[in-house]
């Protein structure tokens, strides 16, 4: 158990650095590592709480760079998507479909020909993104890859991308906490692990933000597209797994 705590704390620190620099990728990697040490019913709430702390720390360090208008409209739509997902979609939509839909969205954003429409949405358009993010948060959990394509745009600096995306992901993770409590998950039984990983997330984010400020904008955008592509491949693989 002690070795598990040490490993997960170190991995949380390293993956938080990745998320702070690129704005995504770290959460998925942490989740993958946790599957080697913990049962699924423990992974989901603990990972959700740690990611809540990680994203909250990112937005605090970069609060001056948040595009609040984008976030406000996003926050309006998200609860409606979550409600629809919880009460309707599990009965009428294939469980594998969201993986395919999100992966196709990612590949379009990454490889889009110049003449094709882009995703530079404004104001109310983020309400629609929030709505579908609310659905994905319940059905897939792949919130980051769903939001990420909409940040491939020319009018945002790297700090604005990381800060605004972290703020959106933060409320999606926050919305899951009442569900875990409703299902009687006992966070106190895993308090040592959760707190150690949370502190590691804060430290890793602090270190990663320092690196982010030094990264050239063009390098950041290449890294962003690269990690987004990897996320798309992973989601497509998850879709294919349903039929193997």
Protein backbone atom coordinates (compact mmCIF):
# COMPACT_ATOMS: atom_id res chain seq x y z
CA UNK A 1 0.00 0.00 0.00
CA UNK A 2 2.87 2.37 0.83
CA UNK A 3 4.52 1.67 -2.53
CA UNK A 4 1.19 2.32 -4.28
CA UNK A 5 0.91 5.68 -2.54
CA UNK A 6 4.46 6.63 -3.55
CA UNK A 7 3.97 5.60 -7.19
CA UNK A 8 0.59 7.35 -7.59
CA UNK A 9 1.90 10.51 -5.91
CA UNK A 10 4.89 10.68 -8.26
CA UNK A 11 2.74 9.93 -11.32
CA UNK A 12 0.23 12.62 -10.26
CA UNK A 13 3.04 15.16 -9.97
CA UNK A 14 4.42 14.30 -13.43
CA UNK A 15 1.04 14.16 -15.18
CA UNK A 16 0.03 17.49 -13.63
CA UNK A 17 3.14 19.03 -15.18
CA UNK A 18 2.04 17.68 -18.58
CA UNK A 19 -1.48 19.09 -18.18
CA UNK A 20 -0.15 22.46 -17.06
CA UNK A 21 2.15 22.76 -20.08
CA UNK A 22 -0.20 21.45 -22.78
CA UNK A 23 -3.62 21.81 -21.18
CA UNK A 24 -4.50 18.11 -21.47
CA UNK A 25 -3.12 14.58 -21.58
CA UNK A 26 -2.09 14.27 -17.96
CA UNK A 27 -5.49 13.20 -16.67
CA UNK A 28 -5.82 10.37 -19.17
CA UNK A 29 -2.30 9.15 -18.39
CA UNK A 30 -2.96 9.24 -14.63
CA UNK A 31 -6.19 7.30 -15.09
CA UNK A 32 -4.35 4.63 -17.08
CA UNK A 33 -1.71 4.18 -14.37
CA UNK A 34 -4.32 4.01 -11.60
CA UNK A 35 -5.94 0.98 -13.26
CA UNK A 36 -2.88 -1.08 -12.31
CA UNK A 37 -3.32 -0.41 -8.59
CA UNK A 38 -6.96 0.28 -7.77
CA UNK A 39 -10.42 -1.15 -8.52
CA UNK A 40 -12.66 0.82 -10.88
CA UNK A 41 -15.15 1.89 -8.19
CA UNK A 42 -12.26 3.61 -6.36
CA UNK A 43 -10.45 4.99 -9.42
CA UNK A 44 -13.36 7.04 -10.76
CA UNK A 45 -14.09 9.18 -7.65
CA UNK A 46 -10.45 9.53 -6.53
CA UNK A 47 -9.30 10.46 -10.04
CA UNK A 48 -12.22 12.88 -10.37
CA UNK A 49 -11.30 14.63 -7.11
CA UNK A 50 -7.59 14.85 -8.00
CA UNK A 51 -8.43 16.25 -11.43
CA UNK A 52 -10.75 18.77 -9.78
CA UNK A 53 -7.80 19.99 -7.69
CA UNK A 54 -5.43 19.95 -10.67
CA UNK A 55 -7.75 21.99 -12.89
CA UNK A 56 -8.65 24.37 -10.06
CA UNK A 57 -4.95 25.02 -9.42
CA UNK A 58 -4.35 25.73 -13.10
CA UNK A 59 -7.15 28.26 -13.25
CA UNK A 60 -5.94 29.97 -10.06
CA UNK A 61 -2.40 30.32 -11.40
CA UNK A 62 -3.69 31.59 -14.75
CA UNK A 63 -6.88 33.38 -13.62
CA UNK A 64 -5.95 36.58 -15.45
CA UNK A 65 -5.95 34.67 -18.75
CA UNK A 66 -9.40 33.05 -18.48
CA UNK A 67 -11.88 33.97 -21.22
CA UNK A 68 -14.82 34.36 -18.84
CA UNK A 69 -17.36 34.95 -21.59
CA UNK A 70 -16.57 31.58 -23.15
CA UNK A 71 -16.76 29.90 -19.74
CA UNK A 72 -20.06 31.54 -18.75
CA UNK A 73 -21.88 30.31 -21.84
CA UNK A 74 -20.25 26.89 -21.44
CA UNK A 75 -21.47 26.66 -17.84
CA UNK A 76 -25.03 27.45 -18.93
CA UNK A 77 -25.22 24.47 -21.27
CA UNK A 78 -23.39 21.82 -19.25
CA UNK A 79 -26.06 21.01 -16.62
CA UNK A 80 -28.68 20.42 -19.33
CA UNK A 81 -26.41 17.95 -21.10
CA UNK A 82 -25.67 16.13 -17.85
CA UNK A 83 -29.39 15.90 -17.03
CA UNK A 84 -30.26 14.58 -20.50
CA UNK A 85 -27.46 12.06 -20.29
CA UNK A 86 -28.49 10.81 -16.87
CA UNK A 87 -32.19 10.41 -17.63
CA UNK A 88 -32.37 9.58 -21.34
CA UNK A 89 -29.24 8.78 -23.29
CA UNK A 90 -28.20 5.62 -21.49
CA UNK A 91 -31.36 4.01 -22.82
CA UNK A 92 -31.37 5.32 -26.38
CA UNK A 93 -27.71 5.76 -27.44
CA UNK A 94 -25.09 3.06 -27.95
CA UNK A 95 -22.44 3.24 -25.21
CA UNK A 96 -19.73 3.17 -27.88
CA UNK A 97 -21.10 6.05 -29.98
CA UNK A 98 -19.66 8.97 -27.93
CA UNK A 99 -16.12 7.57 -28.37
CA UNK A 100 -16.52 7.54 -32.14
CA UNK A 101 -18.14 10.98 -32.26
CA UNK A 102 -15.44 12.66 -30.16
CA UNK A 103 -12.58 10.98 -32.05
CA UNK A 104 -14.01 12.12 -35.40
CA UNK A 105 -14.39 15.66 -34.02
CA UNK A 106 -10.73 15.62 -32.97
CA UNK A 107 -9.45 14.31 -36.32
CA UNK A 108 -11.46 16.97 -38.15
CA UNK A 109 -9.99 19.73 -35.99
CA UNK A 110 -6.42 18.45 -36.34
CA UNK A 111 -6.43 17.61 -40.07
CA UNK A 112 -9.04 20.07 -41.35
CA UNK A 113 -8.29 21.43 -44.87
CA UNK A 114 -8.01 25.23 -44.89
CA UNK A 115 -11.17 25.67 -46.96
CA UNK A 116 -13.33 23.65 -44.57
CA UNK A 117 -15.28 25.37 -41.73
CA UNK A 118 -13.37 25.81 -38.48
CA UNK A 119 -14.41 25.82 -34.83
CA UNK A 120 -13.86 29.47 -33.89
CA UNK A 121 -17.13 29.71 -32.00
CA UNK A 122 -18.11 32.70 -29.89
CA UNK A 123 -20.46 33.38 -26.99
CA UNK A 124 -23.62 31.26 -27.26
CA UNK A 125 -21.79 28.60 -29.29
CA UNK A 126 -19.99 27.58 -26.10
CA UNK A 127 -23.40 26.76 -24.60
CA UNK A 128 -23.72 23.96 -27.16
CA UNK A 129 -20.19 22.75 -26.32
CA UNK A 130 -21.12 22.81 -22.64
CA UNK A 131 -24.28 20.82 -23.35
CA UNK A 132 -22.39 18.02 -25.10
CA UNK A 133 -19.65 18.12 -22.48
CA UNK A 134 -22.31 17.47 -19.84
CA UNK A 135 -23.31 14.38 -21.81
CA UNK A 136 -19.71 13.18 -22.22
CA UNK A 137 -18.90 13.70 -18.54
CA UNK A 138 -21.49 11.08 -17.62
CA UNK A 139 -21.24 8.64 -20.52
CA UNK A 140 -17.55 8.78 -21.43
CA UNK A 141 -15.63 10.84 -18.91
CA UNK A 142 -13.56 12.16 -21.86
CA UNK A 143 -14.24 15.82 -21.21
CA UNK A 144 -10.80 17.15 -22.19
CA UNK A 145 -10.67 15.67 -25.71
CA UNK A 146 -14.21 16.91 -26.42
CA UNK A 147 -13.44 20.51 -25.45
CA UNK A 148 -9.92 20.65 -26.88
CA UNK A 149 -10.71 20.95 -30.64
CA UNK A 150 -12.59 24.22 -30.04
CA UNK A 151 -9.40 25.82 -28.74
CA UNK A 152 -7.53 25.36 -32.02
CA UNK A 153 -7.92 28.97 -33.07
CA UNK A 154 -5.73 32.00 -33.82
CA UNK A 155 -7.21 34.49 -31.35
CA UNK A 156 -6.09 32.72 -28.15
CA UNK A 157 -2.69 32.76 -26.48
CA UNK A 158 -1.35 29.54 -24.94
CA UNK A 159 -2.10 30.73 -21.40
CA UNK A 160 -5.69 31.55 -22.38
CA UNK A 161 -6.15 28.08 -23.85
CA UNK A 162 -4.84 26.28 -20.75
CA UNK A 163 -6.66 28.57 -18.29
CA UNK A 164 -10.07 28.61 -19.98
CA UNK A 165 -10.03 24.88 -20.74
CA UNK A 166 -9.04 24.11 -17.13
CA UNK A 167 -11.94 26.23 -15.85
CA UNK A 168 -14.42 24.33 -18.03
CA UNK A 169 -13.01 20.96 -16.97
CA UNK A 170 -13.06 22.02 -13.33
CA UNK A 171 -16.84 22.47 -13.23
CA UNK A 172 -17.35 19.16 -15.05
CA UNK A 173 -15.35 17.35 -12.34
CA UNK A 174 -17.07 19.37 -9.61
CA UNK A 175 -20.47 18.23 -10.86
CA UNK A 176 -19.48 14.59 -10.28
CA UNK A 177 -18.78 14.96 -6.54
CA UNK A 178 -22.49 14.99 -5.48
CA UNK A 179 -23.00 11.83 -7.53
CA UNK A 180 -20.17 10.03 -5.71
CA UNK A 181 -21.58 11.10 -2.34
CA UNK A 182 -25.07 10.02 -3.41
CA UNK A 183 -23.65 6.59 -4.26
CA UNK A 184 -22.18 6.45 -0.75
CA UNK A 185 -18.53 6.46 -1.80
CA UNK A 186 -16.53 6.96 1.38
CA UNK A 187 -13.80 9.46 0.52
CA UNK A 188 -12.52 9.25 4.11
CA UNK A 189 -11.47 5.62 3.51
CA UNK A 190 -9.03 6.86 0.86
CA UNK A 191 -8.18 10.22 2.43
CA UNK A 192 -4.41 9.64 2.66
CA UNK A 193 -4.17 8.67 -1.01
CA UNK A 194 -6.49 11.44 -2.17
CA UNK A 195 -4.71 14.17 -0.18
CA UNK A 196 -1.21 13.07 -1.23
CA UNK A 197 -2.25 12.98 -4.88
CA UNK A 198 -4.00 16.34 -4.52
CA UNK A 199 -0.86 17.99 -3.07
CA UNK A 200 1.20 16.38 -5.85
CA UNK A 201 -1.24 17.82 -8.41
CA UNK A 202 -0.82 21.31 -6.95
CA UNK A 203 2.99 21.03 -6.94
CA UNK A 204 3.11 19.60 -10.46
CA UNK A 205 0.79 22.30 -11.77
CA UNK A 206 2.92 25.03 -10.19
CA UNK A 207 6.05 23.63 -11.80
CA UNK A 208 4.34 23.06 -15.16
CA UNK A 209 2.93 26.60 -15.34
CA UNK A 210 6.47 27.92 -14.97
CA UNK A 211 7.50 25.88 -18.00
CA UNK A 212 4.39 26.94 -19.94
CA UNK A 213 5.33 30.61 -19.63
CA UNK A 214 8.69 29.85 -21.29
CA UNK A 215 7.36 27.70 -24.13
CA UNK A 216 7.17 29.38 -27.53
CA UNK A 217 3.64 29.80 -28.90
CA UNK A 218 4.34 27.84 -32.09
CA UNK A 219 5.87 24.98 -30.11
CA UNK A 220 2.88 24.94 -27.77
CA UNK A 221 0.41 24.69 -30.66
CA UNK A 222 2.34 21.79 -32.21
CA UNK A 223 2.40 19.96 -28.86
CA UNK A 224 -1.30 20.71 -28.39
CA UNK A 225 -2.22 19.23 -31.77
CA UNK A 226 0.03 16.24 -31.15
CA UNK A 227 -1.51 15.36 -27.79
CA UNK A 228 -4.99 15.97 -29.21
CA UNK A 229 -4.27 13.53 -32.04
CA UNK A 230 -3.10 10.88 -29.55
CA UNK A 231 -6.31 11.39 -27.55
CA UNK A 232 -8.34 10.90 -30.73
CA UNK A 233 -6.52 7.63 -31.51
CA UNK A 234 -7.13 6.40 -27.97
CA UNK A 235 -10.86 7.18 -28.14
CA UNK A 236 -11.15 5.52 -31.54
CA UNK A 237 -9.46 2.43 -30.09
CA UNK A 238 -11.95 2.44 -27.21
CA UNK A 239 -14.75 2.51 -29.80
CA UNK A 240 -13.24 -0.43 -31.72
CA UNK A 241 -12.87 -2.40 -28.46
CA UNK A 242 -16.67 -2.65 -28.22
CA UNK A 243 -16.73 -4.69 -31.44
CA UNK A 244 -13.66 -6.90 -30.95
